[in-house]
């Protein structure tokens, strides 16, 4: 039981770090997109500006980093949720096996 609790706590910490990393990547992407948009302001239409900005290598790199950070967070969410669920199952089973004495159940009360 202690192992499940410890692993769930570790996964929760890693999940928090992954969420922070994802936010940082979102910020880097926003900055890269803004810089690319400023560099592409000579384009005549907004669609053309966005297309040129999206083609910028810094924007593509920041987008890839954000996608990777998002994937890592989602995987860690699944691991953390699984560990918490398994920990609850182990807790219930331990309670079921050790939490009742023969006096608390029907057999202990009535001798049958």
C-alpha atoms as a PDB file:
ATOM      1  CA  UNK A   1       0.000   0.000   0.000  1.00  0.00           C
ATOM      2  CA  UNK A   2       2.812   2.354   0.901  1.00  0.00           C
ATOM      3  CA  UNK A   3       4.447   1.707  -2.460  1.00  0.00           C
ATOM      4  CA  UNK A   4       1.272   2.674  -4.334  1.00  0.00           C
ATOM      5  CA  UNK A   5       0.924   5.845  -2.289  1.00  0.00           C
ATOM      6  CA  UNK A   6       4.570   6.756  -2.850  1.00  0.00           C
ATOM      7  CA  UNK A   7       4.410   6.074  -6.585  1.00  0.00           C
ATOM      8  CA  UNK A   8       1.172   8.051  -6.883  1.00  0.00           C
ATOM      9  CA  UNK A   9       2.801  10.974  -5.056  1.00  0.00           C
ATOM     10  CA  UNK A  10       5.831  10.778  -7.357  1.00  0.00           C
ATOM     11  CA  UNK A  11       3.609  10.647 -10.452  1.00  0.00           C
ATOM     12  CA  UNK A  12       1.635  13.626  -9.111  1.00  0.00           C
ATOM     13  CA  UNK A  13       4.833  15.614  -8.765  1.00  0.00           C
ATOM     14  CA  UNK A  14       5.932  14.696 -12.269  1.00  0.00           C
ATOM     15  CA  UNK A  15       2.477  15.628 -13.540  1.00  0.00           C
ATOM     16  CA  UNK A  16       2.775  19.069 -11.947  1.00  0.00           C
ATOM     17  CA  UNK A  17       6.194  19.573 -13.534  1.00  0.00           C
ATOM     18  CA  UNK A  18       4.805  18.499 -16.907  1.00  0.00           C
ATOM     19  CA  UNK A  19       1.951  21.002 -16.592  1.00  0.00           C
ATOM     20  CA  UNK A  20       4.416  23.788 -15.815  1.00  0.00           C
ATOM     21  CA  UNK A  21       6.572  22.757 -18.767  1.00  0.00           C
ATOM     22  CA  UNK A  22       3.526  22.785 -21.043  1.00  0.00           C
ATOM     23  CA  UNK A  23       2.686  26.345 -19.954  1.00  0.00           C
ATOM     24  CA  UNK A  24       6.274  27.426 -20.641  1.00  0.00           C
ATOM     25  CA  UNK A  25       6.077  25.890 -24.107  1.00  0.00           C
ATOM     26  CA  UNK A  26       2.814  27.748 -24.752  1.00  0.00           C
ATOM     27  CA  UNK A  27       4.569  30.986 -23.835  1.00  0.00           C
ATOM     28  CA  UNK A  28       7.514  30.238 -26.113  1.00  0.00           C
ATOM     29  CA  UNK A  29       5.138  29.459 -28.964  1.00  0.00           C
ATOM     30  CA  UNK A  30       3.244  32.715 -28.457  1.00  0.00           C
ATOM     31  CA  UNK A  31       6.493  34.694 -28.552  1.00  0.00           C
ATOM     32  CA  UNK A  32       7.713  32.843 -31.656  1.00  0.00           C
ATOM     33  CA  UNK A  33       4.376  33.431 -33.393  1.00  0.00           C
ATOM     34  CA  UNK A  34       4.444  37.136 -32.515  1.00  0.00           C
ATOM     35  CA  UNK A  35       7.986  37.538 -33.821  1.00  0.00           C
ATOM     36  CA  UNK A  36       7.125  35.681 -37.011  1.00  0.00           C
ATOM     37  CA  UNK A  37       3.988  37.785 -37.469  1.00  0.00           C
ATOM     38  CA  UNK A  38       6.000  40.979 -37.123  1.00  0.00           C
ATOM     39  CA  UNK A  39       8.535  39.676 -39.628  1.00  0.00           C
ATOM     40  CA  UNK A  40       5.717  38.803 -42.049  1.00  0.00           C
ATOM     41  CA  UNK A  41       3.883  42.131 -41.834  1.00  0.00           C
ATOM     42  CA  UNK A  42       4.909  42.957 -45.397  1.00  0.00           C
ATOM     43  CA  UNK A  43       2.419  40.382 -46.662  1.00  0.00           C
ATOM     44  CA  UNK A  44      -0.770  41.889 -48.069  1.00  0.00           C
ATOM     45  CA  UNK A  45      -3.360  39.673 -46.381  1.00  0.00           C
ATOM     46  CA  UNK A  46      -3.735  38.343 -42.866  1.00  0.00           C
ATOM     47  CA  UNK A  47      -3.960  34.799 -44.223  1.00  0.00           C
ATOM     48  CA  UNK A  48      -0.637  35.248 -46.002  1.00  0.00           C
ATOM     49  CA  UNK A  49       0.937  36.685 -42.838  1.00  0.00           C
ATOM     50  CA  UNK A  50      -0.278  33.692 -40.837  1.00  0.00           C
ATOM     51  CA  UNK A  51       1.000  31.275 -43.473  1.00  0.00           C
ATOM     52  CA  UNK A  52       4.443  32.862 -43.514  1.00  0.00           C
ATOM     53  CA  UNK A  53       4.511  32.983 -39.709  1.00  0.00           C
ATOM     54  CA  UNK A  54       3.516  29.315 -39.450  1.00  0.00           C
ATOM     55  CA  UNK A  55       6.325  28.418 -41.856  1.00  0.00           C
ATOM     56  CA  UNK A  56       8.920  30.068 -39.595  1.00  0.00           C
ATOM     57  CA  UNK A  57      11.407  27.513 -38.173  1.00  0.00           C
ATOM     58  CA  UNK A  58      11.168  28.957 -34.644  1.00  0.00           C
ATOM     59  CA  UNK A  59       7.377  28.626 -34.705  1.00  0.00           C
ATOM     60  CA  UNK A  60       7.607  25.054 -35.961  1.00  0.00           C
ATOM     61  CA  UNK A  61      10.144  24.176 -33.270  1.00  0.00           C
ATOM     62  CA  UNK A  62       8.003  25.772 -30.555  1.00  0.00           C
ATOM     63  CA  UNK A  63       4.920  23.948 -31.856  1.00  0.00           C
ATOM     64  CA  UNK A  64       6.744  20.624 -31.754  1.00  0.00           C
ATOM     65  CA  UNK A  65       7.943  21.319 -28.202  1.00  0.00           C
ATOM     66  CA  UNK A  66       4.393  22.202 -27.125  1.00  0.00           C
ATOM     67  CA  UNK A  67       3.018  19.022 -28.689  1.00  0.00           C
ATOM     68  CA  UNK A  68       5.647  16.951 -26.890  1.00  0.00           C
ATOM     69  CA  UNK A  69       4.918  18.674 -23.565  1.00  0.00           C
ATOM     70  CA  UNK A  70       1.181  18.097 -24.033  1.00  0.00           C
ATOM     71  CA  UNK A  71       1.729  14.414 -24.784  1.00  0.00           C
ATOM     72  CA  UNK A  72       3.965  13.995 -21.741  1.00  0.00           C
ATOM     73  CA  UNK A  73       1.358  15.631 -19.498  1.00  0.00           C
ATOM     74  CA  UNK A  74      -1.441  13.441 -20.847  1.00  0.00           C
ATOM     75  CA  UNK A  75       0.618  10.276 -20.339  1.00  0.00           C
ATOM     76  CA  UNK A  76       1.490  11.305 -16.787  1.00  0.00           C
ATOM     77  CA  UNK A  77      -2.179  12.056 -16.084  1.00  0.00           C
ATOM     78  CA  UNK A  78      -3.029   8.495 -17.101  1.00  0.00           C
ATOM     79  CA  UNK A  79      -0.218   7.030 -14.988  1.00  0.00           C
ATOM     80  CA  UNK A  80      -1.183   9.127 -11.970  1.00  0.00           C
ATOM     81  CA  UNK A  81      -4.876   8.255 -12.273  1.00  0.00           C
ATOM     82  CA  UNK A  82      -4.042   4.568 -12.640  1.00  0.00           C
ATOM     83  CA  UNK A  83      -1.830   4.585  -9.564  1.00  0.00           C
ATOM     84  CA  UNK A  84      -4.476   6.354  -7.508  1.00  0.00           C
ATOM     85  CA  UNK A  85      -7.126   3.885  -8.641  1.00  0.00           C
ATOM     86  CA  UNK A  86      -4.928   0.886  -7.864  1.00  0.00           C
ATOM     87  CA  UNK A  87      -4.065   2.394  -4.496  1.00  0.00           C
ATOM     88  CA  UNK A  88      -7.764   2.695  -3.652  1.00  0.00           C
ATOM     89  CA  UNK A  89      -8.315  -0.922  -4.689  1.00  0.00           C
ATOM     90  CA  UNK A  90      -5.458  -2.091  -2.465  1.00  0.00           C
ATOM     91  CA  UNK A  91      -6.782   0.033   0.388  1.00  0.00           C
ATOM     92  CA  UNK A  92     -10.259  -1.484   0.103  1.00  0.00           C
ATOM     93  CA  UNK A  93      -8.834  -4.992  -0.056  1.00  0.00           C
ATOM     94  CA  UNK A  94      -6.657  -4.412   2.986  1.00  0.00           C
ATOM     95  CA  UNK A  95      -9.628  -3.011   4.867  1.00  0.00           C
ATOM     96  CA  UNK A  96     -11.751  -5.967   3.830  1.00  0.00           C
ATOM     97  CA  UNK A  97      -9.144  -8.507   4.910  1.00  0.00           C
ATOM     98  CA  UNK A  98      -7.887  -6.898   8.099  1.00  0.00           C
ATOM     99  CA  UNK A  99     -10.579  -4.463   9.184  1.00  0.00           C
ATOM    100  CA  UNK A 100     -13.188  -6.927  10.371  1.00  0.00           C
ATOM    101  CA  UNK A 101     -12.918  -9.311  13.234  1.00  0.00           C
ATOM    102  CA  UNK A 102     -15.061 -12.382  13.706  1.00  0.00           C
ATOM    103  CA  UNK A 103     -17.146 -10.518  16.309  1.00  0.00           C
ATOM    104  CA  UNK A 104     -18.267  -7.957  13.765  1.00  0.00           C
ATOM    105  CA  UNK A 105     -19.735 -10.374  11.270  1.00  0.00           C
ATOM    106  CA  UNK A 106     -22.753 -12.622  11.534  1.00  0.00           C
ATOM    107  CA  UNK A 107     -20.763 -15.752  12.294  1.00  0.00           C
ATOM    108  CA  UNK A 108     -19.029 -14.129  15.235  1.00  0.00           C
ATOM    109  CA  UNK A 109     -22.259 -12.802  16.703  1.00  0.00           C
ATOM    110  CA  UNK A 110     -24.408 -15.885  16.394  1.00  0.00           C
ATOM    111  CA  UNK A 111     -21.910 -18.707  16.237  1.00  0.00           C
ATOM    112  CA  UNK A 112     -23.208 -20.072  12.947  1.00  0.00           C
END
